[in-house]
Amino acid sequence: RVDQAVPPVAVRGDLDVIRGLARRLGVRHHFDFHTGREVFEELKAL
């Protein structure tokens, strides 16, 4: 496991960037994650 030590220097993290692109491409509901832990739960289930 890797844990976040500091907030993103550029304000938005990579999950936020992917979510923002997905929203503009019309599929945000597939990418509505805010933490790595949330993504991990979907990943491990799949």
ModelCIF file with pLDDT and N, C-alpha, C, O atoms, coordinates in Angstrom:
data_MODEL
#
_entry.id   MODEL 
#
_entity.id                         1 
_entity.type                       polymer 
_entity.pdbx_number_of_molecules   1 
#
_entity_poly.entity_id                      1 
_entity_poly.type                           'polypeptide(L)' 
_entity_poly.nstd_linkage                   no 
_entity_poly.nstd_monomer                   no 
_entity_poly.pdbx_seq_one_letter_code       RVDQAVPPVAVRGDLDVIRGLARRLGVRHHFDFHTGREVFEELKAL 
_entity_poly.pdbx_seq_one_letter_code_can   RVDQAVPPVAVRGDLDVIRGLARRLGVRHHFDFHTGREVFEELKAL 
_entity_poly.pdbx_strand_id                 A 
#
loop_
_entity_poly_seq.entity_id 
_entity_poly_seq.num 
_entity_poly_seq.mon_id 
_entity_poly_seq.hetero 
1 1  ARG n 
1 2  VAL n 
1 3  ASP n 
1 4  GLN n 
1 5  ALA n 
1 6  VAL n 
1 7  PRO n 
1 8  PRO n 
1 9  VAL n 
1 10 ALA n 
1 11 VAL n 
1 12 ARG n 
1 13 GLY n 
1 14 ASP n 
1 15 LEU n 
1 16 ASP n 
1 17 VAL n 
1 18 ILE n 
1 19 ARG n 
1 20 GLY n 
1 21 LEU n 
1 22 ALA n 
1 23 ARG n 
1 24 ARG n 
1 25 LEU n 
1 26 GLY n 
1 27 VAL n 
1 28 ARG n 
1 29 HIS n 
1 30 HIS n 
1 31 PHE n 
1 32 ASP n 
1 33 PHE n 
1 34 HIS n 
1 35 THR n 
1 36 GLY n 
1 37 ARG n 
1 38 GLU n 
1 39 VAL n 
1 40 PHE n 
1 41 GLU n 
1 42 GLU n 
1 43 LEU n 
1 44 LYS n 
1 45 ALA n 
1 46 LEU n 
#
_struct_asym.id          A 
_struct_asym.entity_id   1 
#
loop_
_ma_qa_metric.id 
_ma_qa_metric.mode 
_ma_qa_metric.name 
_ma_qa_metric.software_group_id 
_ma_qa_metric.type 
1 global pLDDT . pLDDT 
2 local  pLDDT . pLDDT 
#
_ma_qa_metric_global.metric_id      1 
_ma_qa_metric_global.metric_value   97.57 
_ma_qa_metric_global.model_id       1 
_ma_qa_metric_global.ordinal_id     1 
#
loop_
_ma_qa_metric_local.label_asym_id 
_ma_qa_metric_local.label_comp_id 
_ma_qa_metric_local.label_seq_id 
_ma_qa_metric_local.metric_id 
_ma_qa_metric_local.metric_value 
_ma_qa_metric_local.model_id 
_ma_qa_metric_local.ordinal_id 
A ARG 1  2 97.00 1 1  
A VAL 2  2 97.00 1 2  
A ASP 3  2 97.00 1 3  
A GLN 4  2 98.00 1 4  
A ALA 5  2 98.00 1 5  
A VAL 6  2 98.00 1 6  
A PRO 7  2 98.00 1 7  
A PRO 8  2 98.00 1 8  
A VAL 9  2 97.00 1 9  
A ALA 10 2 97.00 1 10 
A VAL 11 2 97.00 1 11 
A ARG 12 2 98.00 1 12 
A GLY 13 2 97.00 1 13 
A ASP 14 2 98.00 1 14 
A LEU 15 2 98.00 1 15 
A ASP 16 2 98.00 1 16 
A VAL 17 2 98.00 1 17 
A ILE 18 2 98.00 1 18 
A ARG 19 2 98.00 1 19 
A GLY 20 2 98.00 1 20 
A LEU 21 2 98.00 1 21 
A ALA 22 2 98.00 1 22 
A ARG 23 2 98.00 1 23 
A ARG 24 2 98.00 1 24 
A LEU 25 2 98.00 1 25 
A GLY 26 2 97.00 1 26 
A VAL 27 2 97.00 1 27 
A ARG 28 2 96.00 1 28 
A HIS 29 2 96.00 1 29 
A HIS 30 2 98.00 1 30 
A PHE 31 2 98.00 1 31 
A ASP 32 2 97.00 1 32 
A PHE 33 2 97.00 1 33 
A HIS 34 2 97.00 1 34 
A THR 35 2 97.00 1 35 
A GLY 36 2 98.00 1 36 
A ARG 37 2 98.00 1 37 
A GLU 38 2 98.00 1 38 
A VAL 39 2 98.00 1 39 
A PHE 40 2 98.00 1 40 
A GLU 41 2 98.00 1 41 
A GLU 42 2 98.00 1 42 
A LEU 43 2 98.00 1 43 
A LYS 44 2 97.00 1 44 
A ALA 45 2 97.00 1 45 
A LEU 46 2 97.00 1 46 
#
loop_
_atom_site.group_PDB 
_atom_site.id 
_atom_site.type_symbol 
_atom_site.label_atom_id 
_atom_site.label_alt_id 
_atom_site.label_comp_id 
_atom_site.label_asym_id 
_atom_site.label_entity_id 
_atom_site.label_seq_id 
_atom_site.pdbx_PDB_ins_code 
_atom_site.Cartn_x 
_atom_site.Cartn_y 
_atom_site.Cartn_z 
_atom_site.occupancy 
_atom_site.B_iso_or_equiv 
_atom_site.pdbx_formal_charge 
_atom_site.auth_seq_id 
_atom_site.auth_comp_id 
_atom_site.auth_asym_id 
_atom_site.auth_atom_id 
_atom_site.pdbx_PDB_model_num 
ATOM 1   N N  . ARG A 1 1  ? 0.831   -1.209 0.000   1.00 97.00 ? 1  ARG A N  1 
ATOM 2   C CA . ARG A 1 1  ? 0.000   0.000  0.000   1.00 97.00 ? 1  ARG A CA 1 
ATOM 3   C C  . ARG A 1 1  ? 0.860   1.251  0.000   1.00 97.00 ? 1  ARG A C  1 
ATOM 4   O O  . ARG A 1 1  ? 1.890   1.309  0.673   1.00 97.00 ? 1  ARG A O  1 
ATOM 5   N N  . VAL A 1 2  ? 0.432   2.254  -0.760  1.00 97.00 ? 2  VAL A N  1 
ATOM 6   C CA . VAL A 1 2  ? 1.061   3.573  -0.716  1.00 97.00 ? 2  VAL A CA 1 
ATOM 7   C C  . VAL A 1 2  ? 0.049   4.559  -0.143  1.00 97.00 ? 2  VAL A C  1 
ATOM 8   O O  . VAL A 1 2  ? -1.121  4.555  -0.526  1.00 97.00 ? 2  VAL A O  1 
ATOM 9   N N  . ASP A 1 3  ? 0.507   5.395  0.770   1.00 97.00 ? 3  ASP A N  1 
ATOM 10  C CA . ASP A 1 3  ? -0.371  6.366  1.414   1.00 97.00 ? 3  ASP A CA 1 
ATOM 11  C C  . ASP A 1 3  ? 0.026   7.777  0.998   1.00 97.00 ? 3  ASP A C  1 
ATOM 12  O O  . ASP A 1 3  ? 1.205   8.073  0.806   1.00 97.00 ? 3  ASP A O  1 
ATOM 13  N N  . GLN A 1 4  ? -0.961  8.631  0.866   1.00 98.00 ? 4  GLN A N  1 
ATOM 14  C CA . GLN A 1 4  ? -0.723  10.008 0.452   1.00 98.00 ? 4  GLN A CA 1 
ATOM 15  C C  . GLN A 1 4  ? -0.106  10.802 1.597   1.00 98.00 ? 4  GLN A C  1 
ATOM 16  O O  . GLN A 1 4  ? -0.616  10.809 2.717   1.00 98.00 ? 4  GLN A O  1 
ATOM 17  N N  . ALA A 1 5  ? 1.009   11.474 1.288   1.00 98.00 ? 5  ALA A N  1 
ATOM 18  C CA . ALA A 1 5  ? 1.694   12.264 2.308   1.00 98.00 ? 5  ALA A CA 1 
ATOM 19  C C  . ALA A 1 5  ? 1.297   13.724 2.278   1.00 98.00 ? 5  ALA A C  1 
ATOM 20  O O  . ALA A 1 5  ? 1.171   14.361 3.324   1.00 98.00 ? 5  ALA A O  1 
ATOM 21  N N  . VAL A 1 6  ? 1.098   14.262 1.068   1.00 98.00 ? 6  VAL A N  1 
ATOM 22  C CA . VAL A 1 6  ? 0.762   15.682 0.912   1.00 98.00 ? 6  VAL A CA 1 
ATOM 23  C C  . VAL A 1 6  ? -0.273  15.829 -0.194  1.00 98.00 ? 6  VAL A C  1 
ATOM 24  O O  . VAL A 1 6  ? -0.405  14.946 -1.042  1.00 98.00 ? 6  VAL A O  1 
ATOM 25  N N  . PRO A 1 7  ? -1.011  16.944 -0.190  1.00 98.00 ? 7  PRO A N  1 
ATOM 26  C CA . PRO A 1 7  ? -1.952  17.181 -1.286  1.00 98.00 ? 7  PRO A CA 1 
ATOM 27  C C  . PRO A 1 7  ? -1.209  17.371 -2.594  1.00 98.00 ? 7  PRO A C  1 
ATOM 28  O O  . PRO A 1 7  ? -0.028  17.720 -2.578  1.00 98.00 ? 7  PRO A O  1 
ATOM 29  N N  . PRO A 1 8  ? -1.870  17.149 -3.742  1.00 98.00 ? 8  PRO A N  1 
ATOM 30  C CA . PRO A 1 8  ? -1.216  17.357 -5.031  1.00 98.00 ? 8  PRO A CA 1 
ATOM 31  C C  . PRO A 1 8  ? -0.692  18.786 -5.178  1.00 98.00 ? 8  PRO A C  1 
ATOM 32  O O  . PRO A 1 8  ? -1.402  19.747 -4.882  1.00 98.00 ? 8  PRO A O  1 
ATOM 33  N N  . VAL A 1 9  ? 0.529   18.918 -5.628  1.00 97.00 ? 9  VAL A N  1 
ATOM 34  C CA . VAL A 1 9  ? 1.141   20.231 -5.818  1.00 97.00 ? 9  VAL A CA 1 
ATOM 35  C C  . VAL A 1 9  ? 0.330   21.065 -6.803  1.00 97.00 ? 9  VAL A C  1 
ATOM 36  O O  . VAL A 1 9  ? 0.210   22.280 -6.645  1.00 97.00 ? 9  VAL A O  1 
ATOM 37  N N  . ALA A 1 10 ? -0.225  20.409 -7.819  1.00 97.00 ? 10 ALA A N  1 
ATOM 38  C CA . ALA A 1 10 ? -0.999  21.122 -8.837  1.00 97.00 ? 10 ALA A CA 1 
ATOM 39  C C  . ALA A 1 10 ? -2.495  21.133 -8.535  1.00 97.00 ? 10 ALA A C  1 
ATOM 40  O O  . ALA A 1 10 ? -3.305  21.396 -9.424  1.00 97.00 ? 10 ALA A O  1 
ATOM 41  N N  . VAL A 1 11 ? -2.861  20.852 -7.304  1.00 97.00 ? 11 VAL A N  1 
ATOM 42  C CA . VAL A 1 11 ? -4.246  20.900 -6.789  1.00 97.00 ? 11 VAL A CA 1 
ATOM 43  C C  . VAL A 1 11 ? -5.024  19.640 -7.164  1.00 97.00 ? 11 VAL A C  1 
ATOM 44  O O  . VAL A 1 11 ? -5.581  18.982 -6.285  1.00 97.00 ? 11 VAL A O  1 
ATOM 45  N N  . ARG A 1 12 ? -5.075  19.295 -8.436  1.00 98.00 ? 12 ARG A N  1 
ATOM 46  C CA . ARG A 1 12 ? -5.815  18.107 -8.853  1.00 98.00 ? 12 ARG A CA 1 
ATOM 47  C C  . ARG A 1 12 ? -4.874  16.910 -8.919  1.00 98.00 ? 12 ARG A C  1 
ATOM 48  O O  . ARG A 1 12 ? -3.764  17.006 -9.444  1.00 98.00 ? 12 ARG A O  1 
ATOM 49  N N  . GLY A 1 13 ? -5.333  15.773 -8.377  1.00 97.00 ? 13 GLY A N  1 
ATOM 50  C CA . GLY A 1 13 ? -4.588  14.533 -8.499  1.00 97.00 ? 13 GLY A CA 1 
ATOM 51  C C  . GLY A 1 13 ? -4.974  13.801 -9.769  1.00 97.00 ? 13 GLY A C  1 
ATOM 52  O O  . GLY A 1 13 ? -5.887  14.217 -10.483 1.00 97.00 ? 13 GLY A O  1 
ATOM 53  N N  . ASP A 1 14 ? -4.275  12.707 -10.052 1.00 98.00 ? 14 ASP A N  1 
ATOM 54  C CA . ASP A 1 14 ? -4.521  11.974 -11.289 1.00 98.00 ? 14 ASP A CA 1 
ATOM 55  C C  . ASP A 1 14 ? -5.937  11.395 -11.354 1.00 98.00 ? 14 ASP A C  1 
ATOM 56  O O  . ASP A 1 14 ? -6.544  11.385 -12.424 1.00 98.00 ? 14 ASP A O  1 
ATOM 57  N N  . LEU A 1 15 ? -6.474  10.914 -10.226 1.00 98.00 ? 15 LEU A N  1 
ATOM 58  C CA . LEU A 1 15 ? -7.852  10.404 -10.243 1.00 98.00 ? 15 LEU A CA 1 
ATOM 59  C C  . LEU A 1 15 ? -8.821  11.516 -10.604 1.00 98.00 ? 15 LEU A C  1 
ATOM 60  O O  . LEU A 1 15 ? -9.784  11.294 -11.338 1.00 98.00 ? 15 LEU A O  1 
ATOM 61  N N  . ASP A 1 16 ? -8.569  12.701 -10.095 1.00 98.00 ? 16 ASP A N  1 
ATOM 62  C CA . ASP A 1 16 ? -9.408  13.863 -10.393 1.00 98.00 ? 16 ASP A CA 1 
ATOM 63  C C  . ASP A 1 16 ? -9.322  14.214 -11.873 1.00 98.00 ? 16 ASP A C  1 
ATOM 64  O O  . ASP A 1 16 ? -10.327 14.556 -12.496 1.00 98.00 ? 16 ASP A O  1 
ATOM 65  N N  . VAL A 1 17 ? -8.119  14.127 -12.433 1.00 98.00 ? 17 VAL A N  1 
ATOM 66  C CA . VAL A 1 17 ? -7.934  14.437 -13.853 1.00 98.00 ? 17 VAL A CA 1 
ATOM 67  C C  . VAL A 1 17 ? -8.686  13.432 -14.722 1.00 98.00 ? 17 VAL A C  1 
ATOM 68  O O  . VAL A 1 17 ? -9.375  13.820 -15.666 1.00 98.00 ? 17 VAL A O  1 
ATOM 69  N N  . ILE A 1 18 ? -8.558  12.146 -14.409 1.00 98.00 ? 18 ILE A N  1 
ATOM 70  C CA . ILE A 1 18 ? -9.274  11.128 -15.183 1.00 98.00 ? 18 ILE A CA 1 
ATOM 71  C C  . ILE A 1 18 ? -10.780 11.321 -15.056 1.00 98.00 ? 18 ILE A C  1 
ATOM 72  O O  . ILE A 1 18 ? -11.515 11.198 -16.035 1.00 98.00 ? 18 ILE A O  1 
ATOM 73  N N  . ARG A 1 19 ? -11.228 11.623 -13.849 1.00 98.00 ? 19 ARG A N  1 
ATOM 74  C CA . ARG A 1 19 ? -12.659 11.854 -13.646 1.00 98.00 ? 19 ARG A CA 1 
ATOM 75  C C  . ARG A 1 19 ? -13.130 13.067 -14.445 1.00 98.00 ? 19 ARG A C  1 
ATOM 76  O O  . ARG A 1 19 ? -14.208 13.044 -15.039 1.00 98.00 ? 19 ARG A O  1 
ATOM 77  N N  . GLY A 1 20 ? -12.310 14.139 -14.458 1.00 98.00 ? 20 GLY A N  1 
ATOM 78  C CA . GLY A 1 20 ? -12.684 15.339 -15.200 1.00 98.00 ? 20 GLY A CA 1 
ATOM 79  C C  . GLY A 1 20 ? -12.759 15.098 -16.698 1.00 98.00 ? 20 GLY A C  1 
ATOM 80  O O  . GLY A 1 20 ? -13.661 15.612 -17.360 1.00 98.00 ? 20 GLY A O  1 
ATOM 81  N N  . LEU A 1 21 ? -11.832 14.327 -17.242 1.00 98.00 ? 21 LEU A N  1 
ATOM 82  C CA . LEU A 1 21 ? -11.894 13.993 -18.662 1.00 98.00 ? 21 LEU A CA 1 
ATOM 83  C C  . LEU A 1 21 ? -13.102 13.111 -18.949 1.00 98.00 ? 21 LEU A C  1 
ATOM 84  O O  . LEU A 1 21 ? -13.800 13.315 -19.942 1.00 98.00 ? 21 LEU A O  1 
ATOM 85  N N  . ALA A 1 22 ? -13.352 12.131 -18.082 1.00 98.00 ? 22 ALA A N  1 
ATOM 86  C CA . ALA A 1 22 ? -14.484 11.230 -18.285 1.00 98.00 ? 22 ALA A CA 1 
ATOM 87  C C  . ALA A 1 22 ? -15.803 11.994 -18.270 1.00 98.00 ? 22 ALA A C  1 
ATOM 88  O O  . ALA A 1 22 ? -16.696 11.695 -19.063 1.00 98.00 ? 22 ALA A O  1 
ATOM 89  N N  . ARG A 1 23 ? -15.939 12.977 -17.380 1.00 98.00 ? 23 ARG A N  1 
ATOM 90  C CA . ARG A 1 23 ? -17.168 13.777 -17.343 1.00 98.00 ? 23 ARG A CA 1 
ATOM 91  C C  . ARG A 1 23 ? -17.381 14.498 -18.666 1.00 98.00 ? 23 ARG A C  1 
ATOM 92  O O  . ARG A 1 23 ? -18.500 14.547 -19.177 1.00 98.00 ? 23 ARG A O  1 
ATOM 93  N N  . ARG A 1 24 ? -16.327 15.050 -19.215 1.00 98.00 ? 24 ARG A N  1 
ATOM 94  C CA . ARG A 1 24 ? -16.449 15.782 -20.477 1.00 98.00 ? 24 ARG A CA 1 
ATOM 95  C C  . ARG A 1 24 ? -16.702 14.862 -21.661 1.00 98.00 ? 24 ARG A C  1 
ATOM 96  O O  . ARG A 1 24 ? -17.181 15.298 -22.708 1.00 98.00 ? 24 ARG A O  1 
ATOM 97  N N  . LEU A 1 25 ? -16.374 13.583 -21.487 1.00 98.00 ? 25 LEU A N  1 
ATOM 98  C CA . LEU A 1 25 ? -16.646 12.604 -22.536 1.00 98.00 ? 25 LEU A CA 1 
ATOM 99  C C  . LEU A 1 25 ? -17.960 11.864 -22.290 1.00 98.00 ? 25 LEU A C  1 
ATOM 100 O O  . LEU A 1 25 ? -18.295 10.924 -23.011 1.00 98.00 ? 25 LEU A O  1 
ATOM 101 N N  . GLY A 1 26 ? -18.703 12.297 -21.264 1.00 97.00 ? 26 GLY A N  1 
ATOM 102 C CA . GLY A 1 26 ? -20.050 11.789 -21.042 1.00 97.00 ? 26 GLY A CA 1 
ATOM 103 C C  . GLY A 1 26 ? -20.158 10.506 -20.251 1.00 97.00 ? 26 GLY A C  1 
ATOM 104 O O  . GLY A 1 26 ? -21.205 9.859  -20.279 1.00 97.00 ? 26 GLY A O  1 
ATOM 105 N N  . VAL A 1 27 ? -19.089 10.108 -19.532 1.00 97.00 ? 27 VAL A N  1 
ATOM 106 C CA . VAL A 1 27 ? -19.145 8.827  -18.815 1.00 97.00 ? 27 VAL A CA 1 
ATOM 107 C C  . VAL A 1 27 ? -18.657 8.972  -17.370 1.00 97.00 ? 27 VAL A C  1 
ATOM 108 O O  . VAL A 1 27 ? -18.035 8.053  -16.838 1.00 97.00 ? 27 VAL A O  1 
ATOM 109 N N  . ARG A 1 28 ? -18.928 10.104 -16.736 1.00 96.00 ? 28 ARG A N  1 
ATOM 110 C CA . ARG A 1 28 ? -18.435 10.293 -15.374 1.00 96.00 ? 28 ARG A CA 1 
ATOM 111 C C  . ARG A 1 28 ? -18.920 9.200  -14.435 1.00 96.00 ? 28 ARG A C  1 
ATOM 112 O O  . ARG A 1 28 ? -18.206 8.838  -13.500 1.00 96.00 ? 28 ARG A O  1 
ATOM 113 N N  . HIS A 1 29 ? -20.117 8.666  -14.660 1.00 96.00 ? 29 HIS A N  1 
ATOM 114 C CA . HIS A 1 29 ? -20.670 7.685  -13.725 1.00 96.00 ? 29 HIS A CA 1 
ATOM 115 C C  . HIS A 1 29 ? -19.801 6.426  -13.627 1.00 96.00 ? 29 HIS A C  1 
ATOM 116 O O  . HIS A 1 29 ? -19.905 5.677  -12.655 1.00 96.00 ? 29 HIS A O  1 
ATOM 117 N N  . HIS A 1 30 ? -18.960 6.195  -14.611 1.00 98.00 ? 30 HIS A N  1 
ATOM 118 C CA . HIS A 1 30 ? -18.044 5.059  -14.547 1.00 98.00 ? 30 HIS A CA 1 
ATOM 119 C C  . HIS A 1 30 ? -16.745 5.395  -13.812 1.00 98.00 ? 30 HIS A C  1 
ATOM 120 O O  . HIS A 1 30 ? -15.930 4.509  -13.553 1.00 98.00 ? 30 HIS A O  1 
ATOM 121 N N  . PHE A 1 31 ? -16.551 6.669  -13.477 1.00 98.00 ? 31 PHE A N  1 
ATOM 122 C CA . PHE A 1 31 ? -15.259 7.113  -12.946 1.00 98.00 ? 31 PHE A CA 1 
ATOM 123 C C  . PHE A 1 31 ? -15.402 8.015  -11.723 1.00 98.00 ? 31 PHE A C  1 
ATOM 124 O O  . PHE A 1 31 ? -14.535 8.846  -11.453 1.00 98.00 ? 31 PHE A O  1 
ATOM 125 N N  . ASP A 1 32 ? -16.478 7.851  -11.000 1.00 97.00 ? 32 ASP A N  1 
ATOM 126 C CA . ASP A 1 32 ? -16.750 8.755  -9.885  1.00 97.00 ? 32 ASP A CA 1 
ATOM 127 C C  . ASP A 1 32 ? -16.028 8.291  -8.612  1.00 97.00 ? 32 ASP A C  1 
ATOM 128 O O  . ASP A 1 32 ? -16.656 7.896  -7.630  1.00 97.00 ? 32 ASP A O  1 
ATOM 129 N N  . PHE A 1 33 ? -14.692 8.352  -8.662  1.00 97.00 ? 33 PHE A N  1 
ATOM 130 C CA . PHE A 1 33 ? -13.848 7.942  -7.541  1.00 97.00 ? 33 PHE A CA 1 
ATOM 131 C C  . PHE A 1 33 ? -13.051 9.148  -7.072  1.00 97.00 ? 33 PHE A C  1 
ATOM 132 O O  . PHE A 1 33 ? -12.648 9.994  -7.870  1.00 97.00 ? 33 PHE A O  1 
ATOM 133 N N  . HIS A 1 34 ? -12.829 9.214  -5.757  1.00 97.00 ? 34 HIS A N  1 
ATOM 134 C CA . HIS A 1 34 ? -12.066 10.320 -5.198  1.00 97.00 ? 34 HIS A CA 1 
ATOM 135 C C  . HIS A 1 34 ? -10.814 9.862  -4.446  1.00 97.00 ? 34 HIS A C  1 
ATOM 136 O O  . HIS A 1 34 ? -9.933  10.673 -4.159  1.00 97.00 ? 34 HIS A O  1 
ATOM 137 N N  . THR A 1 35 ? -10.733 8.587  -4.131  1.00 97.00 ? 35 THR A N  1 
ATOM 138 C CA . THR A 1 35 ? -9.556  8.058  -3.425  1.00 97.00 ? 35 THR A CA 1 
ATOM 139 C C  . THR A 1 35 ? -9.135  6.745  -4.061  1.00 97.00 ? 35 THR A C  1 
ATOM 140 O O  . THR A 1 35 ? -9.931  6.055  -4.699  1.00 97.00 ? 35 THR A O  1 
ATOM 141 N N  . GLY A 1 36 ? -7.866  6.420  -3.873  1.00 98.00 ? 36 GLY A N  1 
ATOM 142 C CA . GLY A 1 36 ? -7.378  5.143  -4.348  1.00 98.00 ? 36 GLY A CA 1 
ATOM 143 C C  . GLY A 1 36 ? -8.084  3.976  -3.690  1.00 98.00 ? 36 GLY A C  1 
ATOM 144 O O  . GLY A 1 36 ? -8.312  2.941  -4.317  1.00 98.00 ? 36 GLY A O  1 
ATOM 145 N N  . ARG A 1 37 ? -8.427  4.144  -2.437  1.00 98.00 ? 37 ARG A N  1 
ATOM 146 C CA . ARG A 1 37 ? -9.120  3.063  -1.732  1.00 98.00 ? 37 ARG A CA 1 
ATOM 147 C C  . ARG A 1 37 ? -10.462 2.749  -2.395  1.00 98.00 ? 37 ARG A C  1 
ATOM 148 O O  . ARG A 1 37 ? -10.835 1.580  -2.503  1.00 98.00 ? 37 ARG A O  1 
ATOM 149 N N  . GLU A 1 38 ? -11.185 3.767  -2.836  1.00 98.00 ? 38 GLU A N  1 
ATOM 150 C CA . GLU A 1 38 ? -12.462 3.539  -3.519  1.00 98.00 ? 38 GLU A CA 1 
ATOM 151 C C  . GLU A 1 38 ? -12.254 2.746  -4.812  1.00 98.00 ? 38 GLU A C  1 
ATOM 152 O O  . GLU A 1 38 ? -13.013 1.824  -5.112  1.00 98.00 ? 38 GLU A O  1 
ATOM 153 N N  . VAL A 1 39 ? -11.233 3.108  -5.561  1.00 98.00 ? 39 VAL A N  1 
ATOM 154 C CA . VAL A 1 39 ? -10.955 2.382  -6.797  1.00 98.00 ? 39 VAL A CA 1 
ATOM 155 C C  . VAL A 1 39 ? -10.549 0.948  -6.492  1.00 98.00 ? 39 VAL A C  1 
ATOM 156 O O  . VAL A 1 39 ? -10.954 0.019  -7.192  1.00 98.00 ? 39 VAL A O  1 
ATOM 157 N N  . PHE A 1 40 ? -9.749  0.768  -5.448  1.00 98.00 ? 40 PHE A N  1 
ATOM 158 C CA . PHE A 1 40 ? -9.305  -0.576 -5.085  1.00 98.00 ? 40 PHE A CA 1 
ATOM 159 C C  . PHE A 1 40 ? -10.483 -1.501 -4.822  1.00 98.00 ? 40 PHE A C  1 
ATOM 160 O O  . PHE A 1 40 ? -10.450 -2.668 -5.211  1.00 98.00 ? 40 PHE A O  1 
ATOM 161 N N  . GLU A 1 41 ? -11.518 -0.997 -4.167  1.00 98.00 ? 41 GLU A N  1 
ATOM 162 C CA . GLU A 1 41 ? -12.671 -1.849 -3.865  1.00 98.00 ? 41 GLU A CA 1 
ATOM 163 C C  . GLU A 1 41 ? -13.339 -2.334 -5.150  1.00 98.00 ? 41 GLU A C  1 
ATOM 164 O O  . GLU A 1 41 ? -13.760 -3.489 -5.217  1.00 98.00 ? 41 GLU A O  1 
ATOM 165 N N  . GLU A 1 42 ? -13.446 -1.482 -6.171  1.00 98.00 ? 42 GLU A N  1 
ATOM 166 C CA . GLU A 1 42 ? -14.020 -1.933 -7.438  1.00 98.00 ? 42 GLU A CA 1 
ATOM 167 C C  . GLU A 1 42 ? -13.062 -2.882 -8.152  1.00 98.00 ? 42 GLU A C  1 
ATOM 168 O O  . GLU A 1 42 ? -13.476 -3.904 -8.699  1.00 98.00 ? 42 GLU A O  1 
ATOM 169 N N  . LEU A 1 43 ? -11.788 -2.534 -8.141  1.00 98.00 ? 43 LEU A N  1 
ATOM 170 C CA . LEU A 1 43 ? -10.782 -3.367 -8.804  1.00 98.00 ? 43 LEU A CA 1 
ATOM 171 C C  . LEU A 1 43 ? -10.777 -4.774 -8.222  1.00 98.00 ? 43 LEU A C  1 
ATOM 172 O O  . LEU A 1 43 ? -10.796 -5.756 -8.964  1.00 98.00 ? 43 LEU A O  1 
ATOM 173 N N  . LYS A 1 44 ? -10.753 -4.873 -6.900  1.00 97.00 ? 44 LYS A N  1 
ATOM 174 C CA . LYS A 1 44 ? -10.641 -6.204 -6.298  1.00 97.00 ? 44 LYS A CA 1 
ATOM 175 C C  . LYS A 1 44 ? -11.911 -7.018 -6.534  1.00 97.00 ? 44 LYS A C  1 
ATOM 176 O O  . LYS A 1 44 ? -11.843 -8.233 -6.718  1.00 97.00 ? 44 LYS A O  1 
ATOM 177 N N  . ALA A 1 45 ? -13.069 -6.357 -6.529  1.00 97.00 ? 45 ALA A N  1 
ATOM 178 C CA . ALA A 1 45 ? -14.313 -7.083 -6.799  1.00 97.00 ? 45 ALA A CA 1 
ATOM 179 C C  . ALA A 1 45 ? -14.319 -7.614 -8.226  1.00 97.00 ? 45 ALA A C  1 
ATOM 180 O O  . ALA A 1 45 ? -14.759 -8.737 -8.475  1.00 97.00 ? 45 ALA A O  1 
ATOM 181 N N  . LEU A 1 46 ? -13.830 -6.802 -9.162  1.00 97.00 ? 46 LEU A N  1 
ATOM 182 C CA . LEU A 1 46 ? -13.839 -7.223 -10.553 1.00 97.00 ? 46 LEU A CA 1 
ATOM 183 C C  . LEU A 1 46 ? -12.802 -8.312 -10.809 1.00 97.00 ? 46 LEU A C  1 
ATOM 184 O O  . LEU A 1 46 ? -12.672 -8.788 -11.937 1.00 97.00 ? 46 LEU A O  1 
#
